[in-house]
């Protein structure tokens, strides 16, 4: 811990929360300036009708900025939804199996298609369980890595793609994975999955916790889903970027019989994300964060994320007798750095002393314990230096 680093402005703390998480100061300052009277409208965005001209411009600008920042192709829709990443566990499965393309593929096969799941930690495991609950036929492509000593499953990385049990392309509706596991601190290298999957099979990726932290080739995915509260804004809004052909439906009413409207991507797409009142204020703040990210540039944000992570991992690696990280190096998350100390008592002392130095939210997830250092986009390099 370094006390030579300047403290954050406004008597703020170094917030290492895994989500909701720290936001750019300039975004918070703009929200504060316009909180009571947004751009001369005489009201806050929180009070504004979502059908008003002013709010229509806010949500349109948010979408346009995100499209520019991620270079989203024209044949993809951008949706602002609710329900978080957990809601998309069900939505991804239900929407893909309601799509015209998947239903036609299933008819050709003559039986229910499978769906491939890469389980790399708690969140992808949650997606798998949800599909099982809904009656799907998920194929577990990989489930963590097996310990050579205990034989237990450990979420510390992935085996080589040659060892993955991918389904046959003609029998698979989609492949699902979570690119960054916030609880276990496992991040799948960019393009590893899409390089391994047959191009005819849509890849659905949960990017909730590393969205906008590095460039992404959107056109290689069938859909990208992401809760906003890590890198993009406050809690309450979920972003879905989905290829438009996957939104097409056939005329059979059975295709959406088990798909609630609140999870139906096509329903939201037809209404420009506003079939009913959206999370207006959260979308507004996301739009400001998108504008901030666009100004930074994704290449610069990627350099920043790697520099932050290198500082913290450098300290962990220099003291292996004290800091004990279990994730394989090539799968170490740059967003969520997870490790243990020799005893729970030392971990509690570490967290308490960090708080005395203005660093908070370092306690590991309740399911694992330990320490978790979350370094999302808005965390300055000084935050990592301070740690």
Protein backbone atom coordinates (compact mmCIF):
# COMPACT_ATOMS: atom_id res chain seq x y z
CA UNK A 1 0.00 0.00 0.00
CA UNK A 2 1.42 3.36 -1.01
CA UNK A 3 0.58 6.61 0.80
CA UNK A 4 2.51 8.68 -1.77
CA UNK A 5 -0.35 8.53 -4.28
CA UNK A 6 -2.68 11.58 -4.37
CA UNK A 7 -6.09 10.86 -2.87
CA UNK A 8 -9.25 11.00 -5.02
CA UNK A 9 -11.09 14.35 -5.22
CA UNK A 10 -14.17 15.27 -3.16
CA UNK A 11 -12.95 13.22 -0.17
CA UNK A 12 -13.80 10.04 -2.06
CA UNK A 13 -12.39 6.59 -1.35
CA UNK A 14 -10.57 4.18 -3.62
CA UNK A 15 -13.58 2.00 -4.41
CA UNK A 16 -12.58 -1.53 -5.44
CA UNK A 17 -16.16 -2.82 -5.46
CA UNK A 18 -16.97 -5.67 -7.85
CA UNK A 19 -20.24 -3.95 -8.75
CA UNK A 20 -21.92 -1.57 -8.63
CA UNK A 21 -18.58 0.04 -9.11
CA UNK A 22 -16.71 3.29 -9.44
CA UNK A 23 -17.72 5.70 -12.20
CA UNK A 24 -15.63 8.35 -14.00
CA UNK A 25 -15.44 11.56 -11.97
CA UNK A 26 -16.23 13.68 -15.02
CA UNK A 27 -19.43 11.68 -15.57
CA UNK A 28 -20.50 12.14 -11.95
CA UNK A 29 -19.75 15.86 -12.18
CA UNK A 30 -21.94 16.22 -15.27
CA UNK A 31 -24.75 14.27 -13.61
CA UNK A 32 -24.46 16.56 -10.60
CA UNK A 33 -24.57 19.73 -12.72
CA UNK A 34 -27.68 18.62 -14.57
CA UNK A 35 -29.43 16.77 -11.75
CA UNK A 36 -32.02 19.43 -10.94
CA UNK A 37 -32.46 20.94 -14.39
CA UNK A 38 -31.31 18.87 -17.37
CA UNK A 39 -30.14 21.13 -20.22
CA UNK A 40 -32.77 23.78 -19.53
CA UNK A 41 -35.68 21.33 -19.45
CA UNK A 42 -36.68 22.49 -15.97
CA UNK A 43 -36.56 18.96 -14.54
CA UNK A 44 -34.22 16.10 -13.80
CA UNK A 45 -33.84 13.19 -16.20
CA UNK A 46 -35.32 11.13 -13.35
CA UNK A 47 -38.55 13.13 -13.71
CA UNK A 48 -38.69 13.17 -17.50
CA UNK A 49 -41.21 11.24 -19.60
CA UNK A 50 -39.54 8.55 -21.64
CA UNK A 51 -41.81 9.64 -24.51
CA UNK A 52 -40.53 13.22 -24.44
CA UNK A 53 -38.39 14.62 -27.23
CA UNK A 54 -35.58 15.34 -24.78
CA UNK A 55 -35.43 11.78 -23.49
CA UNK A 56 -35.77 10.35 -26.99
CA UNK A 57 -32.57 12.23 -27.83
CA UNK A 58 -30.82 10.89 -24.70
CA UNK A 59 -31.47 7.23 -25.50
CA UNK A 60 -30.74 7.71 -29.21
CA UNK A 61 -27.42 9.38 -28.39
CA UNK A 62 -26.53 6.60 -25.94
CA UNK A 63 -27.09 3.94 -28.58
CA UNK A 64 -25.23 5.88 -31.29
CA UNK A 65 -22.24 6.46 -29.01
CA UNK A 66 -22.02 2.81 -28.03
CA UNK A 67 -22.25 1.81 -31.68
CA UNK A 68 -19.37 4.11 -32.59
CA UNK A 69 -17.23 3.08 -29.63
CA UNK A 70 -17.57 -0.66 -30.27
CA UNK A 71 -17.88 -0.31 -34.06
CA UNK A 72 -21.18 -2.23 -33.98
CA UNK A 73 -22.17 -3.31 -37.53
CA UNK A 74 -25.49 -2.15 -39.00
CA UNK A 75 -26.85 -5.71 -39.01
CA UNK A 76 -26.83 -5.75 -35.20
CA UNK A 77 -29.42 -4.26 -32.85
CA UNK A 78 -28.51 -2.55 -29.60
CA UNK A 79 -31.08 -3.03 -26.84
CA UNK A 80 -31.45 -1.44 -23.40
CA UNK A 81 -33.17 -3.95 -21.13
CA UNK A 82 -33.65 -4.80 -17.46
CA UNK A 83 -32.96 -7.93 -15.43
CA UNK A 84 -29.17 -7.87 -15.33
CA UNK A 85 -26.86 -10.59 -16.58
CA UNK A 86 -28.88 -13.11 -14.58
CA UNK A 87 -32.00 -12.24 -16.55
CA UNK A 88 -30.07 -12.89 -19.73
CA UNK A 89 -29.33 -16.47 -18.60
CA UNK A 90 -32.94 -17.22 -19.49
CA UNK A 91 -33.36 -14.59 -22.20
CA UNK A 92 -30.44 -15.81 -24.31
CA UNK A 93 -31.71 -19.39 -24.33
CA UNK A 94 -35.37 -18.50 -24.91
CA UNK A 95 -34.66 -15.96 -27.66
CA UNK A 96 -32.30 -18.21 -29.59
CA UNK A 97 -34.77 -21.09 -29.53
CA UNK A 98 -37.52 -18.70 -30.67
CA UNK A 99 -35.48 -17.46 -33.63
CA UNK A 100 -36.45 -18.50 -37.13
CA UNK A 101 -32.93 -19.66 -37.98
CA UNK A 102 -32.62 -21.96 -34.96
CA UNK A 103 -36.13 -23.37 -35.40
CA UNK A 104 -35.44 -24.17 -39.06
CA UNK A 105 -32.17 -25.87 -38.08
CA UNK A 106 -34.04 -27.88 -35.46
CA UNK A 107 -36.68 -28.98 -37.97
CA UNK A 108 -33.95 -30.21 -40.31
CA UNK A 109 -32.37 -32.20 -37.49
CA UNK A 110 -35.71 -33.68 -36.46
CA UNK A 111 -35.14 -33.28 -32.73
CA UNK A 112 -34.28 -30.67 -30.14
CA UNK A 113 -30.98 -28.91 -30.67
CA UNK A 114 -28.41 -28.82 -27.94
CA UNK A 115 -26.63 -25.72 -26.67
CA UNK A 116 -22.99 -25.60 -25.63
CA UNK A 117 -21.89 -24.10 -22.30
CA UNK A 118 -18.35 -23.33 -21.22
CA UNK A 119 -18.33 -23.24 -17.43
CA UNK A 120 -15.43 -21.15 -16.15
CA UNK A 121 -16.86 -19.95 -12.82
CA UNK A 122 -19.98 -19.04 -10.88
CA UNK A 123 -21.71 -16.93 -13.52
CA UNK A 124 -21.44 -19.35 -16.43
CA UNK A 125 -22.44 -22.09 -14.00
CA UNK A 126 -25.53 -20.03 -13.19
CA UNK A 127 -26.36 -19.73 -16.89
CA UNK A 128 -26.07 -23.49 -17.27
CA UNK A 129 -28.38 -24.15 -14.30
CA UNK A 130 -30.99 -21.75 -15.66
CA UNK A 131 -31.14 -23.53 -19.02
CA UNK A 132 -31.43 -26.87 -17.26
CA UNK A 133 -34.30 -25.46 -15.19
CA UNK A 134 -36.05 -24.31 -18.38
CA UNK A 135 -35.86 -27.76 -19.95
CA UNK A 136 -33.00 -27.18 -22.36
CA UNK A 137 -30.41 -29.72 -23.47
CA UNK A 138 -27.14 -28.03 -22.52
CA UNK A 139 -23.88 -29.70 -23.39
CA UNK A 140 -21.09 -28.86 -20.96
CA UNK A 141 -18.14 -28.18 -23.26
CA UNK A 142 -15.78 -27.69 -20.35
CA UNK A 143 -16.26 -27.36 -16.60
CA UNK A 144 -13.23 -25.61 -15.18
CA UNK A 145 -10.06 -27.64 -14.79
CA UNK A 146 -9.54 -30.85 -12.84
CA UNK A 147 -6.97 -30.66 -10.05
CA UNK A 148 -4.06 -33.04 -10.61
CA UNK A 149 -3.79 -33.65 -6.86
CA UNK A 150 -7.38 -33.82 -5.58
CA UNK A 151 -9.34 -34.54 -8.77
CA UNK A 152 -11.73 -31.73 -7.86
CA UNK A 153 -13.04 -29.18 -10.36
CA UNK A 154 -11.24 -25.84 -9.99
CA UNK A 155 -12.17 -22.60 -11.69
CA UNK A 156 -8.71 -21.31 -12.51
CA UNK A 157 -8.73 -21.38 -16.31
CA UNK A 158 -9.58 -23.51 -19.32
CA UNK A 159 -7.99 -26.60 -20.85
CA UNK A 160 -6.74 -26.27 -24.45
CA UNK A 161 -9.53 -26.02 -27.08
CA UNK A 162 -8.49 -29.40 -28.48
CA UNK A 163 -9.84 -30.91 -25.25
CA UNK A 164 -13.21 -29.13 -25.40
CA UNK A 165 -16.33 -31.24 -25.99
CA UNK A 166 -18.06 -28.93 -28.47
CA UNK A 167 -21.25 -30.31 -29.97
CA UNK A 168 -21.59 -31.01 -33.67
CA UNK A 169 -22.41 -27.73 -35.47
CA UNK A 170 -25.51 -29.18 -37.12
CA UNK A 171 -26.82 -30.24 -33.69
CA UNK A 172 -26.02 -27.05 -31.77
CA UNK A 173 -28.19 -23.94 -31.44
CA UNK A 174 -25.54 -21.72 -29.85
CA UNK A 175 -22.44 -21.60 -27.67
CA UNK A 176 -22.56 -19.61 -24.41
CA UNK A 177 -19.76 -18.40 -22.19
CA UNK A 178 -18.95 -15.66 -19.69
CA UNK A 179 -15.79 -13.85 -20.71
CA UNK A 180 -14.84 -12.57 -17.26
CA UNK A 181 -15.81 -14.39 -14.08
CA UNK A 182 -15.90 -11.74 -11.35
CA UNK A 183 -16.06 -14.18 -8.44
CA UNK A 184 -13.23 -16.53 -9.40
CA UNK A 185 -11.09 -13.94 -11.21
CA UNK A 186 -10.93 -15.91 -14.48
CA UNK A 187 -10.91 -14.03 -17.79
CA UNK A 188 -11.03 -15.87 -21.11
CA UNK A 189 -8.51 -14.44 -23.61
CA UNK A 190 -10.11 -12.46 -26.42
CA UNK A 191 -11.08 -14.60 -29.45
CA UNK A 192 -10.22 -17.93 -27.78
CA UNK A 193 -13.82 -19.16 -27.93
CA UNK A 194 -14.90 -17.67 -31.27
CA UNK A 195 -11.74 -19.09 -32.87
CA UNK A 196 -12.69 -22.58 -31.65
CA UNK A 197 -16.39 -22.54 -32.62
CA UNK A 198 -17.72 -23.34 -36.10
CA UNK A 199 -18.79 -20.01 -37.70
CA UNK A 200 -22.28 -21.41 -38.39
CA UNK A 201 -23.01 -21.60 -34.66
CA UNK A 202 -23.84 -18.27 -32.92
CA UNK A 203 -21.66 -17.45 -29.94
CA UNK A 204 -23.45 -15.74 -27.03
CA UNK A 205 -21.04 -13.97 -24.71
CA UNK A 206 -21.70 -12.42 -21.30
CA UNK A 207 -19.35 -9.42 -21.16
CA UNK A 208 -20.92 -7.83 -18.08
CA UNK A 209 -17.64 -7.22 -16.32
CA UNK A 210 -15.14 -6.46 -19.09
CA UNK A 211 -17.26 -4.60 -21.66
CA UNK A 212 -15.51 -1.50 -23.07
CA UNK A 213 -12.20 -2.51 -21.46
CA UNK A 214 -10.71 -3.63 -24.78
CA UNK A 215 -11.67 -3.70 -28.46
CA UNK A 216 -14.02 -6.48 -29.52
CA UNK A 217 -14.92 -7.74 -32.99
CA UNK A 218 -18.70 -7.66 -32.55
CA UNK A 219 -19.45 -9.37 -35.85
CA UNK A 220 -17.92 -12.63 -34.57
CA UNK A 221 -20.72 -12.98 -32.01
CA UNK A 222 -24.37 -13.84 -32.31
CA UNK A 223 -25.08 -11.74 -29.25
CA UNK A 224 -23.23 -9.93 -26.49
CA UNK A 225 -25.05 -9.40 -23.19
CA UNK A 226 -23.86 -7.21 -20.34
CA UNK A 227 -25.17 -5.77 -17.11
CA UNK A 228 -24.09 -2.13 -16.94
CA UNK A 229 -23.01 -1.89 -13.31
CA UNK A 230 -19.36 -2.89 -13.75
CA UNK A 231 -17.91 -0.82 -16.60
CA UNK A 232 -20.78 1.07 -18.18
CA UNK A 233 -22.93 2.81 -15.60
CA UNK A 234 -25.20 2.32 -12.59
CA UNK A 235 -27.18 -0.81 -11.83
CA UNK A 236 -30.58 -1.19 -13.47
CA UNK A 237 -29.91 -1.50 -17.18
CA UNK A 238 -28.67 -4.43 -19.28
CA UNK A 239 -27.17 -4.04 -22.76
CA UNK A 240 -27.77 -6.62 -25.47
CA UNK A 241 -26.06 -6.39 -28.86
CA UNK A 242 -27.63 -9.02 -31.10
CA UNK A 243 -27.37 -9.96 -34.76
CA UNK A 244 -30.66 -9.02 -36.43
CA UNK A 245 -31.24 -12.34 -38.16
CA UNK A 246 -31.47 -13.94 -34.71
CA UNK A 247 -34.41 -11.65 -33.94
CA UNK A 248 -36.48 -12.97 -36.85
CA UNK A 249 -39.49 -15.12 -35.96
CA UNK A 250 -41.61 -17.45 -38.06
CA UNK A 251 -45.44 -17.34 -38.12
CA UNK A 252 -45.93 -20.16 -35.63
CA UNK A 253 -47.24 -18.73 -32.32
CA UNK A 254 -45.56 -21.62 -30.53
CA UNK A 255 -42.17 -19.98 -31.07
CA UNK A 256 -42.80 -17.40 -28.34
CA UNK A 257 -45.30 -19.25 -26.15
CA UNK A 258 -42.72 -19.72 -23.39
CA UNK A 259 -40.96 -16.38 -23.93
CA UNK A 260 -42.22 -13.58 -21.65
CA UNK A 261 -42.38 -10.17 -23.30
CA UNK A 262 -40.00 -8.69 -20.72
CA UNK A 263 -37.29 -11.11 -21.96
CA UNK A 264 -38.15 -10.95 -25.68
CA UNK A 265 -35.35 -9.24 -27.58
CA UNK A 266 -37.46 -8.92 -30.73
CA UNK A 267 -40.26 -7.22 -28.78
CA UNK A 268 -37.83 -4.62 -27.45
CA UNK A 269 -36.14 -4.20 -30.82
CA UNK A 270 -39.42 -3.35 -32.54
CA UNK A 271 -40.08 -0.67 -29.93
CA UNK A 272 -36.55 0.83 -29.96
CA UNK A 273 -35.99 -0.47 -26.39
CA UNK A 274 -39.07 1.36 -25.12
CA UNK A 275 -42.20 -0.84 -25.30
CA UNK A 276 -42.75 0.45 -21.76
CA UNK A 277 -40.86 2.75 -19.39
CA UNK A 278 -37.14 1.90 -19.51
CA UNK A 279 -34.64 2.55 -16.68
CA UNK A 280 -34.35 6.14 -17.87
CA UNK A 281 -31.78 7.53 -15.47
CA UNK A 282 -29.48 4.51 -15.70
CA UNK A 283 -29.51 4.71 -19.51
CA UNK A 284 -28.74 8.43 -19.33
CA UNK A 285 -25.69 7.80 -17.14
CA UNK A 286 -24.59 4.94 -19.39
CA UNK A 287 -24.72 7.33 -22.33
CA UNK A 288 -22.31 9.65 -20.52
CA UNK A 289 -19.98 6.73 -19.73
CA UNK A 290 -20.10 5.64 -23.39
CA UNK A 291 -19.10 9.17 -24.40
CA UNK A 292 -16.25 9.10 -21.86
CA UNK A 293 -15.06 5.71 -23.18
CA UNK A 294 -15.25 6.92 -26.77
CA UNK A 295 -13.06 9.91 -25.88
CA UNK A 296 -10.53 7.64 -24.16
CA UNK A 297 -10.52 5.09 -26.99
CA UNK A 298 -10.73 1.33 -26.44
CA UNK A 299 -7.08 0.82 -27.28
CA UNK A 300 -6.10 3.29 -24.54
CA UNK A 301 -8.52 1.69 -22.09
CA UNK A 302 -6.97 -1.69 -22.87
CA UNK A 303 -3.48 -0.34 -22.17
CA UNK A 304 -4.76 1.12 -18.90
CA UNK A 305 -6.40 -2.14 -17.82
CA UNK A 306 -3.20 -4.08 -18.48
CA UNK A 307 -1.09 -1.52 -16.61
CA UNK A 308 -3.37 -1.57 -13.56
CA UNK A 309 -3.45 -5.36 -13.45
CA UNK A 310 0.34 -5.62 -13.90
CA UNK A 311 0.93 -3.44 -10.83
CA UNK A 312 -1.28 -5.57 -8.57
CA UNK A 313 -0.20 -8.96 -9.93
CA UNK A 314 3.41 -7.81 -9.63
CA UNK A 315 2.96 -7.39 -5.88
CA UNK A 316 1.20 -10.76 -5.58
CA UNK A 317 3.91 -12.57 -7.53
CA UNK A 318 6.68 -10.92 -5.53
CA UNK A 319 5.31 -12.31 -2.24
CA UNK A 320 3.91 -15.80 -2.96
CA UNK A 321 4.31 -16.82 0.66
CA UNK A 322 1.75 -14.15 1.62
CA UNK A 323 -0.46 -13.50 -1.43
CA UNK A 324 -1.86 -16.75 -2.81
CA UNK A 325 -3.57 -16.52 -6.18
CA UNK A 326 -4.98 -19.67 -7.72
CA UNK A 327 -5.76 -18.62 -11.31
CA UNK A 328 -3.46 -19.80 -14.10
CA UNK A 329 -1.46 -16.87 -15.47
CA UNK A 330 -2.94 -16.83 -18.97
CA UNK A 331 -6.47 -16.69 -17.52
CA UNK A 332 -5.86 -14.08 -14.84
CA UNK A 333 -8.56 -11.44 -14.93
CA UNK A 334 -7.49 -7.84 -15.49
CA UNK A 335 -10.82 -6.76 -14.01
CA UNK A 336 -11.11 -8.82 -10.80
CA UNK A 337 -7.94 -9.95 -9.05
CA UNK A 338 -8.70 -12.68 -6.53
CA UNK A 339 -6.32 -14.08 -3.94
CA UNK A 340 -6.03 -15.37 -0.40
CA UNK A 341 -3.77 -14.67 2.55
CA UNK A 342 -2.41 -17.46 4.78
CA UNK A 343 -5.34 -17.26 7.25
CA UNK A 344 -8.84 -15.75 7.42
CA UNK A 345 -7.66 -13.66 10.37
CA UNK A 346 -4.94 -12.06 8.25
CA UNK A 347 -7.47 -11.40 5.50
CA UNK A 348 -9.77 -9.59 7.93
CA UNK A 349 -6.81 -7.55 9.22
CA UNK A 350 -5.74 -6.74 5.64
CA UNK A 351 -9.24 -5.45 4.77
CA UNK A 352 -9.44 -3.37 7.96
CA UNK A 353 -6.01 -1.80 7.43
CA UNK A 354 -6.80 -1.09 3.78
CA UNK A 355 -9.89 0.83 4.90
CA UNK A 356 -7.67 2.93 7.16
CA UNK A 357 -5.75 3.86 4.00
CA UNK A 358 -8.94 4.88 2.16
CA UNK A 359 -9.34 1.63 0.18
CA UNK A 360 -12.68 -0.14 0.47
CA UNK A 361 -14.73 -3.05 -0.90
CA UNK A 362 -11.83 -5.50 -0.97
CA UNK A 363 -13.55 -8.43 0.68
CA UNK A 364 -13.87 -11.48 -1.59
CA UNK A 365 -17.22 -12.84 -2.67
CA UNK A 366 -19.19 -14.46 0.14
CA UNK A 367 -18.96 -17.86 -1.59
CA UNK A 368 -15.14 -17.86 -1.69
CA UNK A 369 -13.84 -15.41 0.88
CA UNK A 370 -10.34 -14.04 0.47
CA UNK A 371 -9.56 -10.71 -1.19
CA UNK A 372 -10.89 -9.31 -4.45
CA UNK A 373 -9.45 -6.22 -6.12
CA UNK A 374 -11.78 -4.98 -8.86
CA UNK A 375 -10.13 -2.70 -11.41
CA UNK A 376 -12.85 -1.53 -13.77
CA UNK A 377 -12.50 1.10 -16.48
CA UNK A 378 -13.06 4.13 -14.25
CA UNK A 379 -10.36 3.12 -11.75
CA UNK A 380 -7.36 5.39 -12.37
CA UNK A 381 -3.87 3.95 -12.50
CA UNK A 382 -3.26 5.71 -9.17
CA UNK A 383 -5.80 3.36 -7.59
CA UNK A 384 -3.67 0.35 -8.50
CA UNK A 385 -0.54 2.18 -7.36
CA UNK A 386 -2.20 2.93 -4.03
CA UNK A 387 -3.04 -0.72 -3.54
